[in-house]
Amino acid sequence: MLNQSLRVALQKIIPGLLCLLLAAYPAISQLSVGSSGALFITNGTTFSVDSLVLIPSADLTLSSNSIVKVTTPLGSTTPGITSLGRVYNIGTPFTFSGTVGLVYLDSEIGGNTENQLQIAFNQTSGGTWTTTATSSVNTATNYVSYIASSLVIANISATTLGVVLPITYSNLSAQLNSQFILVSWEAASTTALAGFNVESSADGRTWKKAGYVPAVQGESSYGFKDTDLNFSIRYYRIALMDITGETAYTKVIAVRNPAAPFTLRIAFNSSNGTINFLNATPDGIQLYDVSGRLLKKIDAAQSSYTVGDIPAGSYILYFKVGAEKYVRKLFFQ
């Protein structure tokens, strides 16, 4: 997290150099900018996160945001063709004007036609994807780019010209009643869908199949009743399976059973500066010192959070699991 405004003054980064960096650092990368600071990118400056390249045509400021790379390709309505194995998820969608580009590896092209690659994006998490038609691709340097104008960006990838990415979903929810948990969701398009696997987890990390719901052409609303009520907290996600065999996952949601006892187990690992939730996956965390000063804010659903080198002492941790908000006092030694 950046603790003060940072004016980025980067030199133009040529695609060839980005390819070298990409090859050297293949691991999943993430940019996180907290609420107490801001990342300022000057008009015309080349800024890159992993292999996502942004060259704004107007000054751009990012705060309380994150950029995370996912290496699972997105399915499409065209059999055998997916997105590149490189998808960037923006924590909070922002409006962008300028050049947005991706550097990719040959191994990530999959069934795409390389010289027809186009930037693809969606504007809301889980929303409809748009594949551009005016992107430029340099097959010698493995770089595809698009000139955007006031474009709201939530997710970025690339695919072949004319390919429609993937099945999208919305309004995922889980509601507990006296006899079952009703898991509900909507699918924007079922043209290429085979069906949905409903998956559940006790901790947000280890998943099992709770049931299957077949896709029905023209139907947008779906539901599944889970009659297993023996839980204190349970997580759900939906695996959207298309007719090509590709699978995409929804976000993770949680539901609490108020009739069952539940004790959160939290541990701090001082050797690597992480707060670990042993039996829960919060939507994010906010860590404060006892004077009320915000030290760290991370808006991401995960079970382990890196907070860095925290001095010994007492701290206040705010987080939410499902619909419930929690406050815990922690002592770091």
Protein backbone atom coordinates (compact mmCIF):
# COMPACT_ATOMS: atom_id res chain seq x y z
CA MET A 1 0.00 0.00 0.00
CA LEU A 2 1.23 3.47 -0.81
CA ASN A 3 1.16 5.78 2.21
CA GLN A 4 1.50 9.04 0.32
CA SER A 5 0.86 10.38 -3.15
CA LEU A 6 3.31 9.05 -5.66
CA ARG A 7 3.94 10.79 -8.98
CA VAL A 8 5.08 8.16 -11.42
CA ALA A 9 7.74 9.34 -13.83
CA LEU A 10 8.49 6.23 -15.85
CA GLN A 11 10.28 6.15 -19.17
CA LYS A 12 8.54 4.62 -22.17
CA ILE A 13 8.81 0.85 -21.79
CA ILE A 14 9.27 -0.90 -25.09
CA PRO A 15 7.37 -4.17 -25.56
CA GLY A 16 10.62 -6.10 -25.97
CA LEU A 17 11.73 -5.10 -22.49
CA LEU A 18 8.33 -6.07 -21.11
CA CYS A 19 8.69 -9.49 -22.69
CA LEU A 20 11.97 -9.97 -20.85
CA LEU A 21 10.39 -8.91 -17.58
CA LEU A 22 7.44 -11.20 -18.21
CA ALA A 23 9.65 -14.18 -18.84
CA ALA A 24 11.67 -13.48 -15.69
CA TYR A 25 8.67 -12.98 -13.41
CA PRO A 26 5.90 -15.37 -14.45
CA ALA A 27 4.16 -15.41 -11.07
CA ILE A 28 0.77 -13.84 -10.49
CA SER A 29 1.23 -10.16 -9.67
CA GLN A 30 -0.91 -7.61 -7.89
CA LEU A 31 -0.96 -3.86 -7.44
CA SER A 32 -2.65 -2.55 -4.32
CA VAL A 33 -3.21 1.15 -3.61
CA GLY A 34 -4.79 2.06 -0.27
CA SER A 35 -7.16 4.84 0.72
CA SER A 36 -4.52 6.84 2.59
CA GLY A 37 -2.47 7.43 -0.55
CA ALA A 38 -2.80 7.63 -4.31
CA LEU A 39 -0.95 6.48 -7.40
CA PHE A 40 -0.66 9.37 -9.87
CA ILE A 41 0.20 8.56 -13.50
CA THR A 42 1.07 11.58 -15.60
CA ASN A 43 -0.44 12.08 -19.05
CA GLY A 44 1.71 10.26 -21.62
CA THR A 45 3.64 8.17 -19.07
CA THR A 46 3.91 4.42 -19.64
CA PHE A 47 2.84 2.50 -16.55
CA SER A 48 2.87 -1.29 -16.31
CA VAL A 49 1.66 -3.87 -13.81
CA ASP A 50 3.07 -7.27 -14.70
CA SER A 51 2.35 -7.11 -18.46
CA LEU A 52 -0.68 -4.82 -18.39
CA VAL A 53 0.39 -1.50 -19.94
CA LEU A 54 -1.44 1.80 -19.43
CA ILE A 55 -0.44 5.01 -21.24
CA PRO A 56 -3.06 7.60 -20.21
CA SER A 57 -3.87 10.54 -22.49
CA ALA A 58 -5.00 12.46 -19.40
CA ASP A 59 -3.60 12.40 -15.86
CA LEU A 60 -4.83 9.32 -14.00
CA THR A 61 -5.10 8.86 -10.23
CA LEU A 62 -5.73 5.49 -8.58
CA SER A 63 -6.63 5.06 -4.91
CA SER A 64 -8.33 2.35 -2.85
CA ASN A 65 -7.84 -0.03 -5.75
CA SER A 66 -6.05 -3.16 -6.89
CA ILE A 67 -5.05 -4.91 -10.10
CA VAL A 68 -4.76 -8.71 -9.97
CA LYS A 69 -3.71 -11.13 -12.70
CA VAL A 70 -5.59 -14.40 -13.22
CA THR A 71 -3.98 -17.06 -15.40
CA THR A 72 -7.16 -19.05 -16.17
CA PRO A 73 -8.45 -18.22 -19.68
CA LEU A 74 -12.04 -17.07 -20.13
CA GLY A 75 -14.35 -19.28 -22.19
CA SER A 76 -16.14 -17.93 -25.24
CA THR A 77 -19.10 -18.67 -27.49
CA THR A 78 -16.67 -19.91 -30.18
CA PRO A 79 -15.68 -23.58 -29.65
CA GLY A 80 -11.95 -24.05 -29.08
CA ILE A 81 -11.18 -20.36 -28.53
CA THR A 82 -10.72 -18.68 -25.15
CA SER A 83 -9.16 -15.46 -23.99
CA LEU A 84 -5.41 -15.30 -23.52
CA GLY A 85 -4.23 -17.05 -20.38
CA ARG A 86 -3.81 -13.59 -18.87
CA VAL A 87 -6.80 -11.75 -17.41
CA TYR A 88 -6.48 -8.61 -15.26
CA ASN A 89 -9.17 -7.86 -12.68
CA ILE A 90 -9.56 -4.29 -11.42
CA GLY A 91 -10.78 -4.05 -7.83
CA THR A 92 -12.75 -0.85 -8.45
CA PRO A 93 -13.52 -0.08 -12.13
CA PHE A 94 -12.10 3.25 -13.33
CA THR A 95 -12.52 5.42 -16.42
CA PHE A 96 -9.52 5.41 -18.73
CA SER A 97 -8.52 7.31 -21.87
CA GLY A 98 -5.32 6.43 -23.70
CA THR A 99 -3.55 3.24 -24.75
CA VAL A 100 -4.17 -0.02 -22.92
CA GLY A 101 -1.98 -2.95 -23.90
CA LEU A 102 -0.99 -6.50 -22.99
CA VAL A 103 2.27 -8.35 -23.42
CA TYR A 104 1.70 -12.10 -23.67
CA LEU A 105 3.62 -15.35 -23.90
CA ASP A 106 3.34 -17.70 -26.89
CA SER A 107 2.09 -20.39 -24.49
CA GLU A 108 -0.89 -18.16 -23.58
CA ILE A 109 -2.24 -17.78 -27.13
CA GLY A 110 -4.11 -21.09 -27.03
CA GLY A 111 -6.58 -21.46 -29.91
CA ASN A 112 -6.44 -17.77 -30.86
CA THR A 113 -5.18 -16.47 -34.21
CA GLU A 114 -2.27 -14.31 -33.07
CA ASN A 115 -2.35 -11.72 -35.85
CA GLN A 116 -6.07 -11.16 -35.17
CA LEU A 117 -5.77 -10.59 -31.42
CA GLN A 118 -7.92 -7.81 -29.98
CA ILE A 119 -8.13 -6.25 -26.53
CA ALA A 120 -11.29 -7.40 -24.71
CA PHE A 121 -12.80 -5.76 -21.63
CA ASN A 122 -15.85 -5.53 -19.46
CA GLN A 123 -17.06 -2.54 -17.50
CA THR A 124 -18.52 -4.17 -14.40
CA SER A 125 -17.38 -7.24 -12.50
CA GLY A 126 -19.37 -10.13 -13.91
CA GLY A 127 -20.72 -7.93 -16.70
CA THR A 128 -20.82 -8.42 -20.46
CA TRP A 129 -17.46 -8.55 -22.24
CA THR A 130 -16.69 -6.50 -25.34
CA THR A 131 -14.06 -7.55 -27.88
CA THR A 132 -12.63 -4.52 -29.67
CA ALA A 133 -12.16 -4.40 -33.46
CA THR A 134 -9.47 -1.72 -33.82
CA SER A 135 -6.66 -3.07 -31.63
CA SER A 136 -3.11 -3.33 -32.99
CA VAL A 137 -0.99 -6.44 -32.51
CA ASN A 138 2.76 -6.85 -32.93
CA THR A 139 3.44 -10.58 -33.25
CA ALA A 140 7.22 -10.04 -33.15
CA THR A 141 7.08 -8.54 -29.65
CA ASN A 142 3.90 -10.28 -28.43
CA TYR A 143 2.10 -7.00 -27.73
CA VAL A 144 -1.53 -6.09 -28.39
CA SER A 145 -2.90 -2.60 -27.67
CA TYR A 146 -6.05 -0.53 -28.00
CA ILE A 147 -6.66 3.24 -27.91
CA ALA A 148 -9.52 3.86 -25.47
CA SER A 149 -11.66 6.95 -24.95
CA SER A 150 -13.45 7.39 -21.60
CA LEU A 151 -13.58 3.62 -21.22
CA VAL A 152 -14.73 2.17 -17.89
CA ILE A 153 -12.48 -0.83 -17.14
CA ALA A 154 -13.26 -3.65 -14.71
CA ASN A 155 -11.42 -6.51 -16.46
CA ILE A 156 -8.96 -6.69 -19.34
CA SER A 157 -7.74 -9.54 -21.54
CA ALA A 158 -7.44 -10.29 -25.28
CA THR A 159 -8.93 -12.74 -27.75
CA THR A 160 -9.39 -13.23 -31.50
CA LEU A 161 -11.29 -10.63 -33.53
CA GLY A 162 -15.03 -11.39 -33.50
CA VAL A 163 -14.93 -13.79 -30.55
CA VAL A 164 -17.45 -13.14 -27.77
CA LEU A 165 -16.10 -13.67 -24.25
CA PRO A 166 -17.50 -15.50 -21.90
CA ILE A 167 -20.73 -16.38 -20.20
CA THR A 168 -21.36 -13.68 -17.59
CA TYR A 169 -23.34 -13.72 -14.38
CA SER A 170 -24.88 -11.31 -11.86
CA ASN A 171 -26.90 -11.13 -8.64
CA LEU A 172 -25.26 -14.12 -6.97
CA SER A 173 -26.74 -14.62 -3.50
CA ALA A 174 -27.26 -17.24 -0.78
CA GLN A 175 -30.20 -17.06 1.62
CA LEU A 176 -30.77 -19.34 4.60
CA ASN A 177 -34.26 -20.42 5.64
CA SER A 178 -35.56 -23.15 7.95
CA GLN A 179 -35.19 -26.00 5.42
CA PHE A 180 -32.41 -25.11 2.98
CA ILE A 181 -29.99 -22.50 1.67
CA LEU A 182 -31.21 -21.00 -1.61
CA VAL A 183 -28.30 -20.11 -3.89
CA SER A 184 -29.48 -17.82 -6.72
CA TRP A 185 -27.78 -16.22 -9.71
CA GLU A 186 -28.43 -14.87 -13.20
CA ALA A 187 -26.60 -15.60 -16.46
CA ALA A 188 -26.44 -12.93 -19.16
CA SER A 189 -26.28 -15.48 -21.98
CA THR A 190 -26.84 -19.24 -22.14
CA THR A 191 -26.01 -19.74 -25.81
CA ALA A 192 -22.71 -21.48 -25.09
CA LEU A 193 -23.57 -22.84 -21.63
CA ALA A 194 -23.73 -26.51 -20.70
CA GLY A 195 -24.61 -25.94 -17.05
CA PHE A 196 -23.56 -24.82 -13.59
CA ASN A 197 -21.76 -26.65 -10.80
CA VAL A 198 -22.68 -25.22 -7.40
CA GLU A 199 -19.65 -25.55 -5.13
CA SER A 200 -19.47 -25.08 -1.37
CA SER A 201 -16.68 -24.74 1.18
CA ALA A 202 -16.36 -24.54 4.95
CA ASP A 203 -13.33 -22.24 4.83
CA GLY A 204 -13.31 -20.59 1.37
CA ARG A 205 -10.28 -22.63 0.29
CA THR A 206 -11.27 -26.29 -0.08
CA TRP A 207 -14.26 -26.78 -2.38
CA LYS A 208 -16.71 -29.61 -3.07
CA LYS A 209 -19.57 -29.99 -5.52
CA ALA A 210 -22.92 -29.36 -3.83
CA GLY A 211 -25.05 -29.84 -6.93
CA TYR A 212 -25.53 -29.30 -10.65
CA VAL A 213 -28.01 -27.10 -12.52
CA PRO A 214 -28.35 -27.55 -16.31
CA ALA A 215 -28.45 -24.47 -18.53
CA VAL A 216 -31.75 -23.78 -20.31
CA GLN A 217 -31.64 -21.76 -23.53
CA GLY A 218 -33.34 -18.40 -23.05
CA GLU A 219 -33.45 -18.75 -19.25
CA SER A 220 -31.49 -16.15 -17.27
CA SER A 221 -32.43 -16.86 -13.62
CA TYR A 222 -31.22 -19.95 -11.79
CA GLY A 223 -31.34 -21.37 -8.28
CA PHE A 224 -30.17 -24.32 -6.21
CA LYS A 225 -31.44 -25.55 -2.83
CA ASP A 226 -28.79 -26.93 -0.49
CA THR A 227 -30.55 -28.94 2.24
CA ASP A 228 -27.38 -29.52 4.30
CA LEU A 229 -27.87 -27.19 7.27
CA ASN A 230 -25.08 -28.64 9.39
CA PHE A 231 -22.73 -25.64 9.27
CA SER A 232 -21.83 -22.44 11.08
CA ILE A 233 -20.47 -20.58 8.05
CA ARG A 234 -20.43 -21.75 4.45
CA TYR A 235 -19.04 -20.32 1.23
CA TYR A 236 -20.51 -20.75 -2.24
CA ARG A 237 -19.33 -20.19 -5.79
CA ILE A 238 -20.69 -21.21 -9.17
CA ALA A 239 -18.65 -22.95 -11.86
CA LEU A 240 -20.05 -21.82 -15.24
CA MET A 241 -19.29 -24.55 -17.77
CA ASP A 242 -19.52 -23.88 -21.48
CA ILE A 243 -20.06 -26.35 -24.30
CA THR A 244 -16.32 -26.43 -25.13
CA GLY A 245 -15.44 -27.75 -21.68
CA GLU A 246 -14.08 -24.43 -20.42
CA THR A 247 -15.01 -23.41 -16.87
CA ALA A 248 -15.25 -19.94 -15.32
CA TYR A 249 -15.94 -19.19 -11.67
CA THR A 250 -18.10 -16.57 -10.03
CA LYS A 251 -17.08 -14.57 -7.01
CA VAL A 252 -17.30 -16.25 -3.60
CA ILE A 253 -20.18 -15.48 -1.23
CA ALA A 254 -20.75 -16.53 2.39
CA VAL A 255 -23.77 -17.37 4.51
CA ARG A 256 -23.91 -17.68 8.32
CA ASN A 257 -26.06 -20.07 10.30
CA PRO A 258 -26.99 -18.09 13.44
CA ALA A 259 -28.21 -21.27 15.16
CA ALA A 260 -24.74 -22.81 15.06
CA PRO A 261 -21.79 -21.71 17.23
CA PHE A 262 -18.97 -20.09 15.33
CA THR A 263 -15.62 -18.88 16.60
CA LEU A 264 -13.31 -17.02 14.25
CA ARG A 265 -9.71 -18.17 14.39
CA ILE A 266 -7.16 -15.50 13.44
CA ALA A 267 -3.37 -15.75 13.63
CA PHE A 268 -0.57 -13.28 12.89
CA ASN A 269 2.66 -14.59 11.45
CA SER A 270 5.38 -12.09 12.37
CA SER A 271 8.00 -13.84 10.21
CA ASN A 272 6.27 -12.80 6.97
CA GLY A 273 3.87 -10.11 8.22
CA THR A 274 0.61 -11.92 7.42
CA ILE A 275 -2.77 -12.05 9.13
CA ASN A 276 -4.27 -15.50 8.55
CA PHE A 277 -7.93 -16.44 8.92
CA LEU A 278 -7.91 -20.14 9.70
CA ASN A 279 -11.62 -20.84 9.22
CA ALA A 280 -13.01 -17.89 7.24
CA THR A 281 -12.48 -15.81 4.10
CA PRO A 282 -13.35 -12.13 4.68
CA ASP A 283 -14.23 -9.71 1.88
CA GLY A 284 -11.26 -7.54 2.94
CA ILE A 285 -9.62 -6.04 6.01
CA GLN A 286 -8.87 -2.69 7.62
CA LEU A 287 -6.12 -2.57 10.23
CA TYR A 288 -5.90 0.39 12.65
CA ASP A 289 -3.61 1.28 15.52
CA VAL A 290 -5.17 2.06 18.90
CA SER A 291 -5.23 5.79 18.09
CA GLY A 292 -7.55 5.09 15.13
CA ARG A 293 -4.96 5.61 12.37
CA LEU A 294 -5.54 3.37 9.33
CA LEU A 295 -2.41 1.29 8.70
CA LYS A 296 -3.58 -1.11 6.03
CA LYS A 297 -6.66 -1.59 3.88
CA ILE A 298 -7.00 -4.52 1.48
CA ASP A 299 -10.20 -4.95 -0.54
CA ALA A 300 -9.93 -8.57 -1.64
CA ALA A 301 -11.63 -11.79 -0.56
CA GLN A 302 -8.89 -14.07 0.72
CA SER A 303 -7.88 -15.98 3.84
CA SER A 304 -4.39 -14.52 4.23
CA TYR A 305 -3.41 -10.83 4.15
CA THR A 306 0.10 -9.43 4.01
CA VAL A 307 0.34 -6.35 6.23
CA GLY A 308 4.13 -6.04 6.34
CA ASP A 309 6.42 -5.26 9.24
CA ILE A 310 4.09 -4.29 12.08
CA PRO A 311 5.67 -3.23 15.41
CA ALA A 312 4.67 -5.16 18.53
CA GLY A 313 1.55 -3.81 20.18
CA SER A 314 -2.25 -3.75 20.10
CA TYR A 315 -4.25 -3.15 16.92
CA ILE A 316 -7.87 -3.08 15.81
CA LEU A 317 -8.96 -5.24 12.85
CA TYR A 318 -12.20 -4.56 10.95
CA PHE A 319 -13.54 -7.06 8.41
CA LYS A 320 -16.72 -8.58 7.00
CA VAL A 321 -17.60 -12.23 6.41
CA GLY A 322 -20.71 -12.62 4.33
CA ALA A 323 -23.23 -10.06 5.57
CA GLU A 324 -21.74 -9.85 9.07
CA LYS A 325 -19.24 -7.21 10.19
CA TYR A 326 -16.58 -7.96 12.79
CA VAL A 327 -14.17 -5.98 14.96
CA ARG A 328 -11.29 -7.75 16.67
CA LYS A 329 -8.52 -6.47 18.89
CA LEU A 330 -5.22 -8.10 18.00
CA PHE A 331 -1.88 -8.11 19.80
CA PHE A 332 1.26 -8.53 17.74
CA GLN A 333 4.42 -9.69 19.49
